[in-house]
Amino acid sequence: MARRSIIETSTVATKLLIALTGLALFLYLIVHLAGNLLILAGATTYNGYAAMLLGNPLLVPVEIGLVAIFVIHVYKALVMWWTNRKARPERYQRKAWAGHTSRKSIASSTMIYTGLITLIFIVLHVKMFKYGDVRLVGPNHQADLYTLVVNTFHDPLWVGFYELCLVLLGFHLWHGFSSAFESLGIHYSRSNRGIVRLGKVLAIIITGGFFLIPLWVYFLGGRS
């Protein structure tokens, strides 16, 4: 009995950590999108924004904290998935989609897979845009991140890869927001359907915003 109580407590703690770190990452994506959309204003504005970030002394502590949050989120999600899998080793012969819409049910049933693909995507994204070959321009030797982004998204293969990964990220966010609040004790009911709708709207805005950038660069060539 005591062991069962410990397991249940551990499960609740794991769900809470997944929820809190997930919401923190959700907030980060909103801020990150706002900065990335400045590329639509041209090279001067976008590179100026990048220079402001790189010159901020809080950048490194924030990045360390962000990595810690991300690692905790991924690790705890994998622990939860593996625990549930061991508790139900035999797969259902026929899996019924749960939820109110097929889109929501597909999103909830594929969270671990969309999450892992998103993990790979983020690693490649950071490698390319944070540690990529960035040339320096101007008298202040400012990093020309704008040109790096434009050159990357002139390649149709990279555009296709990014858009596919962003669609999968959208599925992850579609269910993740409301799921996080449910883990925090706010269950689906008429009184909190606004949270579910808000999560879906934010998922569309975030995914759509990031989705726009590669297409804008590829079809319109960027704006200098």
C-alpha atoms as a PDB file:
ATOM      1  CA  MET A   1       0.000   0.000   0.000  1.00  0.00           C
ATOM      2  CA  ALA A   2       2.834   2.350   0.939  1.00  0.00           C
ATOM      3  CA  ARG A   3       4.638   1.519  -2.306  1.00  0.00           C
ATOM      4  CA  ARG A   4       1.543   2.271  -4.320  1.00  0.00           C
ATOM      5  CA  SER A   5       1.208   5.617  -2.557  1.00  0.00           C
ATOM      6  CA  ILE A   6       4.828   6.474  -3.367  1.00  0.00           C
ATOM      7  CA  ILE A   7       4.323   5.539  -7.030  1.00  0.00           C
ATOM      8  CA  GLU A   8       1.178   7.662  -7.273  1.00  0.00           C
ATOM      9  CA  THR A   9       2.949  10.611  -5.640  1.00  0.00           C
ATOM     10  CA  SER A  10       5.856  10.246  -8.055  1.00  0.00           C
ATOM     11  CA  THR A  11       3.451  10.120 -10.999  1.00  0.00           C
ATOM     12  CA  VAL A  12       1.690  13.281  -9.884  1.00  0.00           C
ATOM     13  CA  ALA A  13       5.022  15.060  -9.435  1.00  0.00           C
ATOM     14  CA  THR A  14       6.127  13.957 -12.896  1.00  0.00           C
ATOM     15  CA  LYS A  15       2.911  15.249 -14.465  1.00  0.00           C
ATOM     16  CA  LEU A  16       3.300  18.580 -12.671  1.00  0.00           C
ATOM     17  CA  LEU A  17       6.871  18.982 -13.904  1.00  0.00           C
ATOM     18  CA  ILE A  18       5.847  18.142 -17.462  1.00  0.00           C
ATOM     19  CA  ALA A  19       3.001  20.654 -17.255  1.00  0.00           C
ATOM     20  CA  LEU A  20       5.020  23.510 -15.752  1.00  0.00           C
ATOM     21  CA  THR A  21       8.024  23.070 -18.040  1.00  0.00           C
ATOM     22  CA  GLY A  22       5.698  22.685 -21.019  1.00  0.00           C
ATOM     23  CA  LEU A  23       3.939  25.974 -20.250  1.00  0.00           C
ATOM     24  CA  ALA A  24       7.311  27.678 -19.792  1.00  0.00           C
ATOM     25  CA  LEU A  25       8.400  26.434 -23.229  1.00  0.00           C
ATOM     26  CA  PHE A  26       5.060  27.561 -24.662  1.00  0.00           C
ATOM     27  CA  LEU A  27       5.760  31.074 -23.360  1.00  0.00           C
ATOM     28  CA  TYR A  28       9.274  30.971 -24.788  1.00  0.00           C
ATOM     29  CA  LEU A  29       7.935  30.043 -28.235  1.00  0.00           C
ATOM     30  CA  ILE A  30       5.673  33.096 -28.189  1.00  0.00           C
ATOM     31  CA  VAL A  31       8.585  35.394 -27.343  1.00  0.00           C
ATOM     32  CA  HIS A  32      10.852  33.639 -29.841  1.00  0.00           C
ATOM     33  CA  LEU A  33       8.252  33.976 -32.592  1.00  0.00           C
ATOM     34  CA  ALA A  34       7.839  37.694 -31.918  1.00  0.00           C
ATOM     35  CA  GLY A  35      11.568  38.184 -32.400  1.00  0.00           C
ATOM     36  CA  ASN A  36      11.801  35.960 -35.474  1.00  0.00           C
ATOM     37  CA  LEU A  37       8.975  37.770 -37.236  1.00  0.00           C
ATOM     38  CA  LEU A  38      11.154  40.880 -37.269  1.00  0.00           C
ATOM     39  CA  ILE A  39      12.842  39.301 -40.276  1.00  0.00           C
ATOM     40  CA  LEU A  40       9.838  40.535 -42.263  1.00  0.00           C
ATOM     41  CA  ALA A  41      11.028  44.093 -41.553  1.00  0.00           C
ATOM     42  CA  GLY A  42      14.335  43.520 -43.331  1.00  0.00           C
ATOM     43  CA  ALA A  43      18.005  42.908 -42.652  1.00  0.00           C
ATOM     44  CA  THR A  44      18.698  46.062 -40.609  1.00  0.00           C
ATOM     45  CA  THR A  45      15.886  45.457 -38.150  1.00  0.00           C
ATOM     46  CA  TYR A  46      16.478  41.723 -37.831  1.00  0.00           C
ATOM     47  CA  ASN A  47      20.241  41.980 -37.427  1.00  0.00           C
ATOM     48  CA  GLY A  48      19.761  44.816 -34.946  1.00  0.00           C
ATOM     49  CA  TYR A  49      17.492  42.581 -32.891  1.00  0.00           C
ATOM     50  CA  ALA A  50      20.066  39.763 -33.032  1.00  0.00           C
ATOM     51  CA  ALA A  51      22.831  42.147 -31.931  1.00  0.00           C
ATOM     52  CA  MET A  52      20.720  43.316 -29.004  1.00  0.00           C
ATOM     53  CA  LEU A  53      20.238  39.712 -27.858  1.00  0.00           C
ATOM     54  CA  LEU A  54      23.894  38.773 -28.273  1.00  0.00           C
ATOM     55  CA  GLY A  55      24.966  41.842 -26.324  1.00  0.00           C
ATOM     56  CA  ASN A  56      22.624  41.182 -23.418  1.00  0.00           C
ATOM     57  CA  PRO A  57      24.541  39.855 -20.357  1.00  0.00           C
ATOM     58  CA  LEU A  58      21.462  37.884 -19.312  1.00  0.00           C
ATOM     59  CA  LEU A  59      21.503  35.830 -22.503  1.00  0.00           C
ATOM     60  CA  VAL A  60      23.744  33.039 -21.214  1.00  0.00           C
ATOM     61  CA  PRO A  61      21.882  32.542 -17.881  1.00  0.00           C
ATOM     62  CA  VAL A  62      18.571  32.544 -19.733  1.00  0.00           C
ATOM     63  CA  GLU A  63      19.851  30.004 -22.252  1.00  0.00           C
ATOM     64  CA  ILE A  64      21.122  27.735 -19.454  1.00  0.00           C
ATOM     65  CA  GLY A  65      17.758  27.956 -17.712  1.00  0.00           C
ATOM     66  CA  LEU A  66      15.937  27.272 -20.962  1.00  0.00           C
ATOM     67  CA  VAL A  67      18.063  24.199 -21.670  1.00  0.00           C
ATOM     68  CA  ALA A  68      17.419  22.930 -18.122  1.00  0.00           C
ATOM     69  CA  ILE A  69      13.660  23.374 -18.558  1.00  0.00           C
ATOM     70  CA  PHE A  70      13.758  21.627 -21.923  1.00  0.00           C
ATOM     71  CA  VAL A  71      15.803  18.681 -20.622  1.00  0.00           C
ATOM     72  CA  ILE A  72      13.482  18.223 -17.646  1.00  0.00           C
ATOM     73  CA  HIS A  73      10.444  18.342 -19.913  1.00  0.00           C
ATOM     74  CA  VAL A  74      11.817  15.756 -22.325  1.00  0.00           C
ATOM     75  CA  TYR A  75      13.160  13.446 -19.619  1.00  0.00           C
ATOM     76  CA  LYS A  76       9.992  13.478 -17.526  1.00  0.00           C
ATOM     77  CA  ALA A  77       7.825  12.975 -20.610  1.00  0.00           C
ATOM     78  CA  LEU A  78       9.858   9.910 -21.572  1.00  0.00           C
ATOM     79  CA  VAL A  79       9.659   8.574 -18.001  1.00  0.00           C
ATOM     80  CA  MET A  80       5.881   9.021 -17.990  1.00  0.00           C
ATOM     81  CA  TRP A  81       5.504   7.375 -21.406  1.00  0.00           C
ATOM     82  CA  TRP A  82       7.657   4.411 -20.409  1.00  0.00           C
ATOM     83  CA  THR A  83       5.845   4.002 -17.080  1.00  0.00           C
ATOM     84  CA  ASN A  84       2.477   3.952 -18.811  1.00  0.00           C
ATOM     85  CA  ARG A  85       3.779   1.520 -21.415  1.00  0.00           C
ATOM     86  CA  LYS A  86       5.013  -0.912 -18.743  1.00  0.00           C
ATOM     87  CA  ALA A  87       1.722  -0.646 -16.901  1.00  0.00           C
ATOM     88  CA  ARG A  88      -0.131  -1.642 -20.084  1.00  0.00           C
ATOM     89  CA  PRO A  89       2.254  -3.881 -22.047  1.00  0.00           C
ATOM     90  CA  GLU A  90      -0.409  -5.366 -24.318  1.00  0.00           C
ATOM     91  CA  ARG A  91      -1.560  -3.031 -27.030  1.00  0.00           C
ATOM     92  CA  TYR A  92      -5.225  -2.675 -27.782  1.00  0.00           C
ATOM     93  CA  GLN A  93      -6.288  -4.619 -30.863  1.00  0.00           C
ATOM     94  CA  ARG A  94      -8.273  -1.608 -31.907  1.00  0.00           C
ATOM     95  CA  LYS A  95      -7.510   1.869 -30.667  1.00  0.00           C
ATOM     96  CA  ALA A  96     -10.506   4.133 -30.296  1.00  0.00           C
ATOM     97  CA  TRP A  97      -9.792   7.812 -30.716  1.00  0.00           C
ATOM     98  CA  ALA A  98     -10.688   9.721 -27.579  1.00  0.00           C
ATOM     99  CA  GLY A  99     -11.723  13.332 -27.379  1.00  0.00           C
ATOM    100  CA  HIS A 100     -14.140  15.614 -29.087  1.00  0.00           C
ATOM    101  CA  THR A 101     -12.511  15.847 -32.495  1.00  0.00           C
ATOM    102  CA  SER A 102     -10.282  13.559 -34.495  1.00  0.00           C
ATOM    103  CA  ARG A 103      -7.645  16.267 -34.705  1.00  0.00           C
ATOM    104  CA  LYS A 104      -7.484  16.564 -30.951  1.00  0.00           C
ATOM    105  CA  SER A 105      -7.411  12.793 -30.477  1.00  0.00           C
ATOM    106  CA  ILE A 106      -4.615  12.334 -32.994  1.00  0.00           C
ATOM    107  CA  ALA A 107      -2.632  15.096 -31.305  1.00  0.00           C
ATOM    108  CA  SER A 108      -3.073  13.569 -27.843  1.00  0.00           C
ATOM    109  CA  SER A 109      -2.225  10.061 -29.024  1.00  0.00           C
ATOM    110  CA  THR A 110       0.997  11.072 -30.754  1.00  0.00           C
ATOM    111  CA  MET A 111       2.464  13.442 -28.154  1.00  0.00           C
ATOM    112  CA  ILE A 112       5.560  11.331 -27.486  1.00  0.00           C
ATOM    113  CA  TYR A 113       6.331  10.969 -31.202  1.00  0.00           C
ATOM    114  CA  THR A 114       5.737  14.602 -32.162  1.00  0.00           C
ATOM    115  CA  GLY A 115       7.770  15.567 -29.114  1.00  0.00           C
ATOM    116  CA  LEU A 116      10.759  13.423 -30.095  1.00  0.00           C
ATOM    117  CA  ILE A 117      10.690  14.689 -33.684  1.00  0.00           C
ATOM    118  CA  THR A 118      10.520  18.237 -32.340  1.00  0.00           C
ATOM    119  CA  LEU A 119      13.572  17.467 -30.183  1.00  0.00           C
ATOM    120  CA  ILE A 120      15.573  16.453 -33.265  1.00  0.00           C
ATOM    121  CA  PHE A 121      14.295  19.505 -35.115  1.00  0.00           C
ATOM    122  CA  ILE A 122      15.369  21.867 -32.321  1.00  0.00           C
ATOM    123  CA  VAL A 123      18.870  20.377 -32.162  1.00  0.00           C
ATOM    124  CA  LEU A 124      19.301  20.909 -35.917  1.00  0.00           C
ATOM    125  CA  HIS A 125      17.756  24.374 -35.706  1.00  0.00           C
ATOM    126  CA  VAL A 126      20.144  25.503 -32.955  1.00  0.00           C
ATOM    127  CA  LYS A 127      23.132  23.996 -34.741  1.00  0.00           C
ATOM    128  CA  MET A 128      22.261  25.805 -37.950  1.00  0.00           C
ATOM    129  CA  PHE A 129      21.246  29.249 -36.703  1.00  0.00           C
ATOM    130  CA  LYS A 130      23.192  29.629 -33.464  1.00  0.00           C
ATOM    131  CA  TYR A 131      26.400  27.893 -34.510  1.00  0.00           C
ATOM    132  CA  GLY A 132      26.108  28.299 -38.266  1.00  0.00           C
ATOM    133  CA  ASP A 133      28.444  30.184 -40.566  1.00  0.00           C
ATOM    134  CA  VAL A 134      27.462  33.790 -39.870  1.00  0.00           C
ATOM    135  CA  ARG A 135      29.365  36.541 -41.655  1.00  0.00           C
ATOM    136  CA  LEU A 136      30.085  39.889 -40.000  1.00  0.00           C
ATOM    137  CA  VAL A 137      28.947  43.145 -41.619  1.00  0.00           C
ATOM    138  CA  GLY A 138      29.216  46.847 -40.964  1.00  0.00           C
ATOM    139  CA  PRO A 139      31.757  48.919 -39.027  1.00  0.00           C
ATOM    140  CA  ASN A 140      30.702  47.261 -35.774  1.00  0.00           C
ATOM    141  CA  HIS A 141      31.200  43.756 -37.208  1.00  0.00           C
ATOM    142  CA  GLN A 142      27.568  42.884 -36.608  1.00  0.00           C
ATOM    143  CA  ALA A 143      26.467  39.286 -37.126  1.00  0.00           C
ATOM    144  CA  ASP A 144      24.484  39.005 -40.358  1.00  0.00           C
ATOM    145  CA  LEU A 145      21.926  36.460 -39.174  1.00  0.00           C
ATOM    146  CA  TYR A 146      19.462  37.730 -41.764  1.00  0.00           C
ATOM    147  CA  THR A 147      21.589  36.468 -44.667  1.00  0.00           C
ATOM    148  CA  LEU A 148      22.080  33.105 -42.971  1.00  0.00           C
ATOM    149  CA  VAL A 149      18.306  32.644 -42.646  1.00  0.00           C
ATOM    150  CA  VAL A 150      17.650  33.779 -46.218  1.00  0.00           C
ATOM    151  CA  ASN A 151      20.333  31.514 -47.681  1.00  0.00           C
ATOM    152  CA  THR A 152      19.023  28.545 -45.682  1.00  0.00           C
ATOM    153  CA  PHE A 153      15.443  28.962 -46.815  1.00  0.00           C
ATOM    154  CA  HIS A 154      16.351  29.389 -50.454  1.00  0.00           C
ATOM    155  CA  ASP A 155      16.903  25.629 -50.392  1.00  0.00           C
ATOM    156  CA  PRO A 156      13.544  23.879 -51.049  1.00  0.00           C
ATOM    157  CA  LEU A 157      14.665  20.796 -49.118  1.00  0.00           C
ATOM    158  CA  TRP A 158      15.261  22.813 -45.971  1.00  0.00           C
ATOM    159  CA  VAL A 159      11.964  24.629 -46.451  1.00  0.00           C
ATOM    160  CA  GLY A 160      10.088  21.338 -46.785  1.00  0.00           C
ATOM    161  CA  PHE A 161      11.858  19.846 -43.768  1.00  0.00           C
ATOM    162  CA  TYR A 162      11.119  22.880 -41.610  1.00  0.00           C
ATOM    163  CA  GLU A 163       7.469  23.073 -42.614  1.00  0.00           C
ATOM    164  CA  LEU A 164       6.929  19.375 -41.912  1.00  0.00           C
ATOM    165  CA  CYS A 165       8.533  19.667 -38.475  1.00  0.00           C
ATOM    166  CA  LEU A 166       6.462  22.750 -37.725  1.00  0.00           C
ATOM    167  CA  VAL A 167       3.245  20.908 -38.554  1.00  0.00           C
ATOM    168  CA  LEU A 168       4.238  18.186 -36.083  1.00  0.00           C
ATOM    169  CA  LEU A 169       5.116  20.845 -33.511  1.00  0.00           C
ATOM    170  CA  GLY A 170       1.659  22.294 -34.058  1.00  0.00           C
ATOM    171  CA  PHE A 171       0.064  18.944 -33.212  1.00  0.00           C
ATOM    172  CA  HIS A 172       2.170  18.793 -30.052  1.00  0.00           C
ATOM    173  CA  LEU A 173       1.118  22.275 -28.988  1.00  0.00           C
ATOM    174  CA  TRP A 174      -2.511  21.659 -29.957  1.00  0.00           C
ATOM    175  CA  HIS A 175      -2.945  19.145 -27.168  1.00  0.00           C
ATOM    176  CA  GLY A 176      -0.097  20.178 -24.883  1.00  0.00           C
ATOM    177  CA  PHE A 177      -1.543  23.451 -23.604  1.00  0.00           C
ATOM    178  CA  SER A 178      -4.849  22.060 -22.348  1.00  0.00           C
ATOM    179  CA  SER A 179      -3.129  18.884 -21.143  1.00  0.00           C
ATOM    180  CA  ALA A 180      -0.788  20.968 -18.979  1.00  0.00           C
ATOM    181  CA  PHE A 181      -3.690  22.702 -17.261  1.00  0.00           C
ATOM    182  CA  GLU A 182      -5.408  19.358 -16.761  1.00  0.00           C
ATOM    183  CA  SER A 183      -2.257  18.070 -15.035  1.00  0.00           C
ATOM    184  CA  LEU A 184      -2.394  21.150 -12.809  1.00  0.00           C
ATOM    185  CA  GLY A 185      -5.865  20.104 -11.688  1.00  0.00           C
ATOM    186  CA  ILE A 186      -8.010  22.063 -14.139  1.00  0.00           C
ATOM    187  CA  HIS A 187     -10.067  19.412 -15.896  1.00  0.00           C
ATOM    188  CA  TYR A 188     -12.097  19.751 -19.047  1.00  0.00           C
ATOM    189  CA  SER A 189     -15.534  21.183 -18.286  1.00  0.00           C
ATOM    190  CA  ARG A 190     -17.824  23.939 -19.462  1.00  0.00           C
ATOM    191  CA  SER A 191     -16.214  26.348 -17.009  1.00  0.00           C
ATOM    192  CA  ASN A 192     -12.729  26.028 -18.512  1.00  0.00           C
ATOM    193  CA  ARG A 193     -13.331  25.316 -22.178  1.00  0.00           C
ATOM    194  CA  GLY A 194     -11.802  28.722 -22.754  1.00  0.00           C
ATOM    195  CA  ILE A 195      -8.426  27.248 -21.797  1.00  0.00           C
ATOM    196  CA  VAL A 196      -8.797  24.537 -24.425  1.00  0.00           C
ATOM    197  CA  ARG A 197      -9.794  27.079 -27.072  1.00  0.00           C
ATOM    198  CA  LEU A 198      -6.949  29.394 -26.051  1.00  0.00           C
ATOM    199  CA  GLY A 199      -4.478  26.540 -26.399  1.00  0.00           C
ATOM    200  CA  LYS A 200      -5.705  25.769 -29.900  1.00  0.00           C
ATOM    201  CA  VAL A 201      -5.588  29.429 -30.943  1.00  0.00           C
ATOM    202  CA  LEU A 202      -2.052  29.806 -29.574  1.00  0.00           C
ATOM    203  CA  ALA A 203      -0.974  26.588 -31.305  1.00  0.00           C
ATOM    204  CA  ILE A 204      -2.269  27.938 -34.625  1.00  0.00           C
ATOM    205  CA  ILE A 205      -0.652  31.356 -34.102  1.00  0.00           C
ATOM    206  CA  ILE A 206       2.730  29.950 -33.062  1.00  0.00           C
ATOM    207  CA  THR A 207       2.849  27.295 -35.752  1.00  0.00           C
ATOM    208  CA  GLY A 208       1.481  29.625 -38.403  1.00  0.00           C
ATOM    209  CA  GLY A 209       3.955  32.372 -37.532  1.00  0.00           C
ATOM    210  CA  PHE A 210       6.981  30.109 -37.759  1.00  0.00           C
ATOM    211  CA  PHE A 211       5.500  28.426 -40.835  1.00  0.00           C
ATOM    212  CA  LEU A 212       5.274  31.785 -42.614  1.00  0.00           C
ATOM    213  CA  ILE A 213       8.967  32.663 -42.402  1.00  0.00           C
ATOM    214  CA  PRO A 214      10.454  29.933 -44.657  1.00  0.00           C
ATOM    215  CA  LEU A 215       7.691  30.449 -47.219  1.00  0.00           C
ATOM    216  CA  TRP A 216       8.192  34.214 -47.197  1.00  0.00           C
ATOM    217  CA  VAL A 217      11.919  33.823 -47.744  1.00  0.00           C
ATOM    218  CA  TYR A 218      11.607  31.146 -50.425  1.00  0.00           C
ATOM    219  CA  PHE A 219       8.844  32.695 -52.530  1.00  0.00           C
ATOM    220  CA  LEU A 220       9.526  36.393 -51.987  1.00  0.00           C
ATOM    221  CA  GLY A 221      13.283  36.158 -51.611  1.00  0.00           C
ATOM    222  CA  GLY A 222      13.475  38.124 -48.384  1.00  0.00           C
ATOM    223  CA  ARG A 223      13.615  41.869 -48.070  1.00  0.00           C
ATOM    224  CA  SER A 224      16.861  43.768 -47.607  1.00  0.00           C
END
